[in-house]
Amino acid sequence: MQNPILQDLLTLSHHLGREDRGLAILSEGNTSARLSDDTFLVKASGACLGALQEDGVVQCRFSTLLPILETGSLSDQQVDDTLLAARVDPAAKKPSVEAVFHAWLLSLPGINFAGHTHATTVNQILCSSRAEEFSDHRMFPDEVVCCGPASVFIPYTDPGLKLAQAIRHETQAFIRGQKRPPRVILMQNHGLITLGATWQSVLSAMLMAEKAAKIFMGAAALGGPVFFSNENIERIAGRPDEAYRQRALKM
């Protein structure tokens, strides 16, 4: 019988890889899921999210990948060697180069799934001078409910180990300020990551972030977005009916 966590990861991957959603095409993006305190699943390098199958998923050890976040730098070959050494099955495919940041994010309390895409509309903003503005503000209630009160913003960083280190640094700062893990991480000139306890919460945050990007783009064309105040955000985030809706959406 197929592992239910693996099945959930495949389901999430297929949703994120639907080409009509414009989140990821070809081999763009990756997904992951925590199996235990020791291991996690991550998409293999070069696999396609929309058509991902069991043989395109790799089980990796946290204990092999997390220590390299403490290194000053490693060569590309050293990172590749570490990714291969992290596999539980030595015959499995090579994990995504972004498996390092997946390993760290899945070690956060309450985070069991992560998804990363190069969503088209989100990237239109992340490749512009207004990227950080989009990250720091919220415009409508569902954005707060699904994406949280703010996002982590990562200035452009070379993908791989350096990006994983930057994500750790900025996410730790976010947690110190917000007292909770983020739902959305935005990476300048790259894409976004969404996190959650369930695959549904990862998908909800991803879809809502893309909707928010479309609204931001439309509002920018009409004179500029009108952002929620901190009071607006705190009110939405604390409403009992919104908490009920989050539970109903398995967020």
Protein backbone atom coordinates (compact mmCIF):
# COMPACT_ATOMS: atom_id res chain seq x y z
CA MET A 1 0.00 0.00 0.00
CA GLN A 2 1.31 3.43 -0.94
CA ASN A 3 2.45 5.68 1.90
CA PRO A 4 -0.34 8.25 2.51
CA ILE A 5 2.20 11.07 2.89
CA LEU A 6 3.68 10.18 -0.49
CA GLN A 7 0.20 10.18 -1.99
CA ASP A 8 -0.51 13.60 -0.50
CA LEU A 9 2.78 14.92 -1.91
CA LEU A 10 1.93 13.61 -5.38
CA THR A 11 -1.53 15.18 -5.16
CA LEU A 12 -0.05 18.54 -4.16
CA SER A 13 2.53 18.31 -6.94
CA HIS A 14 -0.09 17.59 -9.59
CA HIS A 15 -2.18 20.57 -8.48
CA LEU A 16 0.82 22.90 -8.55
CA GLY A 17 1.99 21.54 -11.89
CA ARG A 18 -1.24 22.16 -13.79
CA GLU A 19 -0.13 24.23 -16.76
CA ASP A 20 -3.44 26.12 -16.91
CA ARG A 21 -2.64 27.63 -13.49
CA GLY A 22 0.65 29.11 -14.68
CA LEU A 23 2.50 28.15 -11.50
CA ALA A 24 5.10 25.77 -12.93
CA ILE A 25 5.85 24.36 -16.38
CA LEU A 26 8.35 21.77 -17.62
CA SER A 27 10.58 20.84 -14.66
CA GLU A 28 10.06 24.09 -12.74
CA GLY A 29 9.40 24.03 -9.01
CA ASN A 30 9.55 21.35 -6.36
CA THR A 31 7.63 19.95 -3.41
CA SER A 32 8.44 18.17 -0.17
CA ALA A 33 6.83 16.44 2.80
CA ARG A 34 8.14 15.43 6.23
CA LEU A 35 7.97 11.69 6.87
CA SER A 36 9.45 11.66 10.38
CA ASP A 37 11.99 13.43 12.54
CA ASP A 38 14.67 11.69 10.49
CA THR A 39 13.57 11.77 6.85
CA PHE A 40 11.53 13.68 4.30
CA LEU A 41 10.39 13.31 0.69
CA VAL A 42 11.38 15.77 -2.04
CA LYS A 43 10.93 15.96 -5.78
CA ALA A 44 13.85 14.62 -7.81
CA SER A 45 15.89 16.98 -9.94
CA GLY A 46 14.44 17.40 -13.43
CA ALA A 47 11.07 15.80 -12.63
CA CYS A 48 7.86 17.54 -13.75
CA LEU A 49 5.40 18.46 -11.00
CA GLY A 50 2.32 17.98 -13.14
CA ALA A 51 3.25 14.41 -14.07
CA LEU A 52 5.20 13.46 -10.94
CA GLN A 53 5.15 9.77 -10.06
CA GLU A 54 6.57 7.76 -7.17
CA ASP A 55 9.91 7.21 -8.92
CA GLY A 56 10.33 10.99 -9.19
CA VAL A 57 10.29 11.42 -5.41
CA VAL A 58 13.37 10.88 -3.23
CA GLN A 59 13.50 10.09 0.49
CA CYS A 60 16.32 12.05 2.16
CA ARG A 61 17.88 12.31 5.61
CA PHE A 62 17.69 15.60 7.50
CA SER A 63 20.93 14.74 9.29
CA THR A 64 22.93 14.81 6.04
CA LEU A 65 21.57 18.07 4.63
CA LEU A 66 21.03 20.37 7.62
CA PRO A 67 24.71 20.53 8.70
CA ILE A 68 25.83 22.08 5.40
CA LEU A 69 23.82 25.20 6.25
CA GLU A 70 26.57 25.91 8.79
CA THR A 71 29.36 25.87 6.18
CA GLY A 72 30.72 29.09 4.75
CA SER A 73 30.49 27.79 1.21
CA LEU A 74 30.74 24.59 -0.78
CA SER A 75 31.49 24.01 -4.43
CA ASP A 76 28.66 22.92 -6.72
CA GLN A 77 30.21 19.45 -6.81
CA GLN A 78 30.34 19.25 -3.02
CA VAL A 79 26.67 20.22 -2.81
CA ASP A 80 25.80 17.57 -5.42
CA ASP A 81 27.76 14.97 -3.49
CA THR A 82 25.89 15.87 -0.30
CA LEU A 83 22.52 15.65 -2.04
CA LEU A 84 23.36 12.19 -3.30
CA ALA A 85 24.63 11.10 0.13
CA ALA A 86 21.36 12.25 1.72
CA ARG A 87 19.32 9.65 -0.17
CA VAL A 88 17.96 6.78 1.92
CA ASP A 89 18.02 4.60 -1.20
CA PRO A 90 21.40 4.95 -2.97
CA ALA A 91 19.72 3.93 -6.23
CA ALA A 92 17.15 6.73 -6.09
CA LYS A 93 17.33 9.75 -8.38
CA LYS A 94 19.23 12.88 -7.39
CA PRO A 95 17.19 15.19 -5.11
CA SER A 96 16.40 18.72 -6.26
CA VAL A 97 19.22 21.19 -5.59
CA GLU A 98 16.69 23.02 -3.43
CA ALA A 99 16.28 20.02 -1.12
CA VAL A 100 18.48 21.86 1.40
CA PHE A 101 15.96 24.64 2.01
CA HIS A 102 13.15 22.09 2.02
CA ALA A 103 14.96 20.16 4.76
CA TRP A 104 15.29 23.26 6.92
CA LEU A 105 11.72 24.49 6.37
CA LEU A 106 10.28 21.05 7.18
CA SER A 107 12.16 21.14 10.49
CA LEU A 108 10.05 24.14 11.62
CA PRO A 109 7.26 23.41 14.14
CA GLY A 110 3.95 22.58 12.47
CA ILE A 111 5.36 22.50 8.93
CA ASN A 112 4.78 19.15 7.21
CA PHE A 113 4.59 20.18 3.53
CA ALA A 114 6.27 22.77 1.31
CA GLY A 115 5.75 23.78 -2.30
CA HIS A 116 7.92 25.96 -4.52
CA THR A 117 6.84 27.35 -7.91
CA HIS A 118 7.75 30.08 -10.38
CA ALA A 119 4.17 31.42 -10.54
CA THR A 120 3.77 33.72 -13.54
CA THR A 121 1.97 36.71 -12.02
CA VAL A 122 3.88 36.57 -8.74
CA ASN A 123 7.11 36.57 -10.74
CA GLN A 124 5.99 39.59 -12.76
CA ILE A 125 6.04 41.48 -9.45
CA LEU A 126 9.15 39.78 -8.05
CA CYS A 127 11.04 40.81 -11.19
CA SER A 128 10.01 44.45 -10.67
CA SER A 129 10.95 47.32 -8.36
CA ARG A 130 7.76 46.73 -6.33
CA ALA A 131 8.61 43.19 -5.15
CA GLU A 132 9.28 44.03 -1.51
CA GLU A 133 6.17 46.22 -1.34
CA PHE A 134 4.05 43.26 -2.44
CA SER A 135 5.70 41.06 0.19
CA ASP A 136 5.19 43.45 3.10
CA HIS A 137 1.51 44.34 2.60
CA ARG A 138 -1.93 42.74 2.38
CA MET A 139 -4.92 43.97 0.38
CA PHE A 140 -7.96 41.77 1.10
CA PRO A 141 -9.23 39.33 3.77
CA ASP A 142 -8.64 36.03 1.96
CA GLU A 143 -5.01 37.00 1.40
CA VAL A 144 -4.55 37.35 5.16
CA VAL A 145 -6.38 34.09 5.86
CA CYS A 146 -4.46 31.98 3.34
CA CYS A 147 -1.09 33.73 3.11
CA GLY A 148 -0.71 35.09 6.63
CA PRO A 149 -0.23 38.70 7.76
CA ALA A 150 3.04 39.15 5.83
CA SER A 151 5.52 37.23 3.70
CA VAL A 152 9.24 36.61 4.04
CA PHE A 153 11.15 38.48 1.34
CA ILE A 154 14.48 37.14 0.02
CA PRO A 155 16.59 39.45 -2.18
CA TYR A 156 17.89 37.58 -5.22
CA THR A 157 20.33 34.86 -4.15
CA ASP A 158 22.07 32.16 -6.18
CA PRO A 159 19.92 28.98 -6.06
CA GLY A 160 21.29 26.12 -3.99
CA LEU A 161 23.16 26.36 -0.70
CA LYS A 162 23.41 30.17 -0.63
CA LEU A 163 19.67 30.48 -1.18
CA ALA A 164 18.94 27.94 1.57
CA GLN A 165 21.13 29.94 3.96
CA ALA A 166 19.38 33.19 3.02
CA ILE A 167 15.96 31.58 3.52
CA ARG A 168 16.98 30.34 6.95
CA HIS A 169 18.32 33.76 7.98
CA GLU A 170 15.28 35.77 6.83
CA THR A 171 12.76 33.20 8.07
CA GLN A 172 14.33 33.14 11.53
CA ALA A 173 14.01 36.94 11.63
CA PHE A 174 10.37 36.67 10.55
CA ILE A 175 9.61 34.12 13.28
CA ARG A 176 11.23 36.33 15.91
CA GLY A 177 8.96 39.20 14.86
CA GLN A 178 5.72 37.36 14.08
CA LYS A 179 6.02 34.55 16.67
CA ARG A 180 4.96 32.05 14.01
CA PRO A 181 6.37 30.43 10.87
CA PRO A 182 5.49 32.14 7.57
CA ARG A 183 2.94 30.84 5.12
CA VAL A 184 4.65 32.46 2.11
CA ILE A 185 8.29 33.13 1.20
CA LEU A 186 8.90 35.38 -1.82
CA MET A 187 12.25 35.20 -3.64
CA GLN A 188 13.19 38.16 -5.81
CA ASN A 189 13.60 37.31 -9.51
CA HIS A 190 12.87 33.65 -8.74
CA GLY A 191 9.51 32.54 -7.31
CA LEU A 192 7.75 31.63 -4.09
CA ILE A 193 7.49 28.95 -1.44
CA THR A 194 4.37 28.15 0.55
CA LEU A 195 4.32 26.14 3.77
CA GLY A 196 1.77 24.39 5.92
CA ALA A 197 0.73 21.52 8.13
CA THR A 198 -1.23 19.94 5.26
CA TRP A 199 -0.88 19.76 1.51
CA GLN A 200 -4.16 21.66 1.25
CA SER A 201 -2.72 24.60 3.19
CA VAL A 202 0.29 24.75 0.86
CA LEU A 203 -1.96 24.74 -2.20
CA SER A 204 -4.34 27.34 -0.73
CA ALA A 205 -1.49 29.75 0.04
CA MET A 206 0.01 29.24 -3.43
CA LEU A 207 -3.26 29.86 -5.27
CA MET A 208 -4.12 32.86 -3.11
CA ALA A 209 -0.65 34.38 -3.56
CA GLU A 210 -1.11 34.16 -7.32
CA LYS A 211 -4.57 35.76 -7.02
CA ALA A 212 -3.10 38.52 -4.82
CA ALA A 213 -0.45 39.15 -7.45
CA LYS A 214 -3.12 39.57 -10.13
CA ILE A 215 -5.02 42.01 -7.91
CA PHE A 216 -1.83 43.92 -7.13
CA MET A 217 -1.05 44.22 -10.86
CA GLY A 218 -4.56 45.43 -11.65
CA ALA A 219 -4.58 47.90 -8.77
CA ALA A 220 -1.16 49.22 -9.82
CA ALA A 221 -2.59 49.98 -13.27
CA LEU A 222 -5.47 51.93 -11.66
CA GLY A 223 -3.36 54.28 -9.58
CA GLY A 224 -1.83 51.95 -7.02
CA PRO A 225 -2.93 49.33 -4.47
CA VAL A 226 -4.79 50.37 -1.32
CA PHE A 227 -3.22 48.29 1.44
CA PHE A 228 -4.76 47.06 4.68
CA SER A 229 -3.62 48.81 7.85
CA ASN A 230 -1.99 46.72 10.59
CA GLU A 231 -5.28 47.01 12.49
CA ASN A 232 -7.17 45.57 9.50
CA ILE A 233 -4.74 42.66 9.28
CA GLU A 234 -4.82 41.89 13.01
CA ARG A 235 -8.63 41.99 12.98
CA ILE A 236 -8.90 39.52 10.08
CA ALA A 237 -6.19 37.25 11.50
CA GLY A 238 -7.92 37.13 14.88
CA ARG A 239 -11.55 36.68 13.83
CA PRO A 240 -13.06 33.38 15.06
CA ASP A 241 -15.02 32.90 11.83
CA GLU A 242 -11.79 33.10 9.82
CA ALA A 243 -10.14 30.57 12.16
CA TYR A 244 -13.12 28.27 11.57
CA ARG A 245 -12.71 28.70 7.82
CA GLN A 246 -9.01 27.85 8.08
CA ARG A 247 -9.86 24.61 9.86
CA ALA A 248 -12.50 23.77 7.25
CA LEU A 249 -9.89 24.32 4.52
CA LYS A 250 -7.41 22.10 6.45
CA MET A 251 -5.05 25.01 6.82
